[in-house]
Amino acid sequence: MSVTAELRKLFEIDLYNYLKANLVCASNIKCLKKEISIKKTKDNEASGHIGFRFLNNARGYNLYTAAYSPELITFFYEVNPPYSSKLPEGIVYAMNTSMESGFKSFAPNFGGTVDLPRNEEEKKSLRMDLY
């Protein structure tokens, strides 16, 4: 196993354990390996997910989100954007931090990625950025 693959595996286990220990989950919210999944319920039609994706060329993670809700559908219908949606069926809103250009909101790097930590010191610093 390469150094990067081993670091990714260790980081993703650590991330999963952190989310599982610190996120109060309802029955419709699941902590998966690299994602928090929110399923709709009979009382709430909204669903979505928030996750982390490893980008090989950046040697780091970006954050992505996607959501669906009747309220979002109504909002976008009323706004009537001058283009058609390219989103997959069942998704009304999606974004990822790779879209960041000229500013830094999620990551300390331009381009929206957080570097894969190489040691404990970097892992502690990353926890402060992510968590």
Protein backbone atom coordinates (compact mmCIF):
# COMPACT_ATOMS: atom_id res chain seq x y z
CA MET A 1 0.00 0.00 0.00
CA SER A 2 1.38 3.45 -0.91
CA VAL A 3 2.03 6.10 1.71
CA THR A 4 -0.86 8.21 0.38
CA ALA A 5 -3.26 5.25 0.43
CA GLU A 6 -2.26 4.36 4.00
CA LEU A 7 -2.61 8.00 5.14
CA ARG A 8 -6.03 8.23 3.46
CA LYS A 9 -7.21 5.04 5.14
CA LEU A 10 -6.06 6.24 8.59
CA PHE A 11 -7.52 9.71 8.10
CA GLU A 12 -10.87 8.40 6.87
CA ILE A 13 -11.15 6.04 9.86
CA ASP A 14 -10.32 8.94 12.18
CA LEU A 15 -12.88 11.20 10.44
CA TYR A 16 -15.59 8.53 10.63
CA ASN A 17 -14.89 7.89 14.33
CA TYR A 18 -14.98 11.63 15.06
CA LEU A 19 -18.29 12.13 13.25
CA LYS A 20 -19.83 9.06 14.87
CA ALA A 21 -18.75 10.21 18.36
CA ASN A 22 -19.64 13.91 18.01
CA LEU A 23 -22.68 14.07 15.74
CA VAL A 24 -26.04 13.60 17.38
CA CYS A 25 -27.87 11.51 14.83
CA ALA A 26 -31.60 11.04 14.51
CA SER A 27 -32.93 7.88 12.93
CA ASN A 28 -32.88 9.54 9.50
CA ILE A 29 -29.25 10.76 9.81
CA LYS A 30 -26.46 8.28 9.19
CA CYS A 31 -22.70 8.70 9.56
CA LEU A 32 -21.09 6.81 6.72
CA LYS A 33 -17.37 6.39 6.02
CA LYS A 34 -16.87 9.79 4.35
CA GLU A 35 -20.37 11.23 4.39
CA ILE A 36 -23.29 12.29 6.53
CA SER A 37 -26.53 11.16 4.89
CA ILE A 38 -29.91 12.69 5.71
CA LYS A 39 -32.98 10.76 4.54
CA LYS A 40 -36.48 12.17 4.25
CA THR A 41 -39.10 11.16 6.80
CA LYS A 42 -42.89 11.24 6.82
CA ASP A 43 -42.70 14.59 8.65
CA ASN A 44 -39.91 16.12 6.57
CA GLU A 45 -39.51 15.79 2.80
CA ALA A 46 -35.96 17.18 2.77
CA SER A 47 -32.97 14.92 2.19
CA GLY A 48 -29.32 15.34 1.35
CA HIS A 49 -25.73 14.56 2.15
CA ILE A 50 -22.51 16.25 3.17
CA GLY A 51 -19.26 14.49 2.47
CA PHE A 52 -15.56 14.57 1.82
CA ARG A 53 -13.98 13.46 -1.45
CA PHE A 54 -10.27 12.78 -1.96
CA LEU A 55 -8.78 14.44 -5.04
CA ASN A 56 -5.61 12.69 -6.22
CA ASN A 57 -4.18 15.63 -8.15
CA ALA A 58 -4.59 17.94 -5.11
CA ARG A 59 -3.56 15.28 -2.57
CA GLY A 60 -6.38 16.51 -0.37
CA TYR A 61 -10.09 16.50 0.37
CA ASN A 62 -12.86 18.75 -0.76
CA LEU A 63 -16.28 19.12 0.82
CA TYR A 64 -19.42 18.43 -1.19
CA THR A 65 -23.10 18.79 -0.41
CA ALA A 66 -26.35 17.95 -2.14
CA ALA A 67 -29.93 18.55 -1.07
CA TYR A 68 -33.51 17.97 -2.10
CA SER A 69 -36.64 19.54 -0.65
CA PRO A 70 -40.00 20.71 -1.95
CA GLU A 71 -39.17 24.23 -0.67
CA LEU A 72 -36.00 24.33 -2.79
CA ILE A 73 -37.94 23.19 -5.86
CA THR A 74 -40.48 25.98 -5.30
CA PHE A 75 -37.70 28.52 -4.78
CA PHE A 76 -35.86 27.62 -7.99
CA TYR A 77 -39.11 27.49 -9.93
CA GLU A 78 -39.94 31.04 -8.77
CA VAL A 79 -36.42 32.33 -9.48
CA ASN A 80 -36.55 30.76 -12.95
CA PRO A 81 -32.83 30.72 -13.76
CA PRO A 82 -31.93 31.29 -17.45
CA TYR A 83 -30.34 27.85 -17.76
CA SER A 84 -31.46 24.27 -17.30
CA SER A 85 -30.28 22.20 -14.35
CA LYS A 86 -27.55 19.63 -14.95
CA LEU A 87 -28.10 18.01 -11.55
CA PRO A 88 -29.00 14.32 -11.25
CA GLU A 89 -32.60 13.29 -10.58
CA GLY A 90 -33.56 13.85 -6.95
CA ILE A 91 -31.04 16.64 -6.32
CA VAL A 92 -32.11 20.29 -6.29
CA TYR A 93 -28.98 21.92 -4.86
CA ALA A 94 -25.36 20.76 -5.05
CA MET A 95 -21.98 22.34 -4.46
CA ASN A 96 -18.41 21.42 -3.68
CA THR A 97 -15.52 23.44 -2.39
CA SER A 98 -13.56 22.91 -5.61
CA MET A 99 -15.83 25.69 -6.89
CA GLU A 100 -14.05 28.15 -4.57
CA SER A 101 -12.15 30.62 -6.71
CA GLY A 102 -10.37 33.65 -5.36
CA PHE A 103 -11.52 33.08 -1.77
CA LYS A 104 -11.13 30.51 1.00
CA SER A 105 -14.19 29.48 3.02
CA PHE A 106 -13.74 25.77 3.77
CA ALA A 107 -10.07 25.13 3.24
CA PRO A 108 -6.84 26.95 4.00
CA ASN A 109 -5.81 26.45 0.33
CA PHE A 110 -7.19 28.17 -2.74
CA GLY A 111 -9.09 25.62 -4.80
CA GLY A 112 -11.14 24.38 -1.87
CA THR A 113 -9.08 21.40 -0.73
CA VAL A 114 -7.69 20.44 2.65
CA ASP A 115 -4.35 18.64 2.39
CA LEU A 116 -4.14 15.01 3.47
CA PRO A 117 -2.35 15.12 6.86
CA ARG A 118 1.10 13.46 6.90
CA ASN A 119 1.70 13.35 10.66
CA GLU A 120 -0.02 13.86 14.03
CA GLU A 121 0.70 17.62 14.10
CA GLU A 122 -0.93 18.12 10.69
CA LYS A 123 -3.81 15.86 11.76
CA LYS A 124 -4.47 18.05 14.82
CA SER A 125 -4.36 21.19 12.67
CA LEU A 126 -6.75 19.62 10.16
CA ARG A 127 -9.19 18.66 12.92
CA MET A 128 -9.36 22.32 13.91
CA ASP A 129 -10.09 23.30 10.28
CA LEU A 130 -12.70 20.60 9.64
CA TYR A 131 -14.37 20.09 12.95
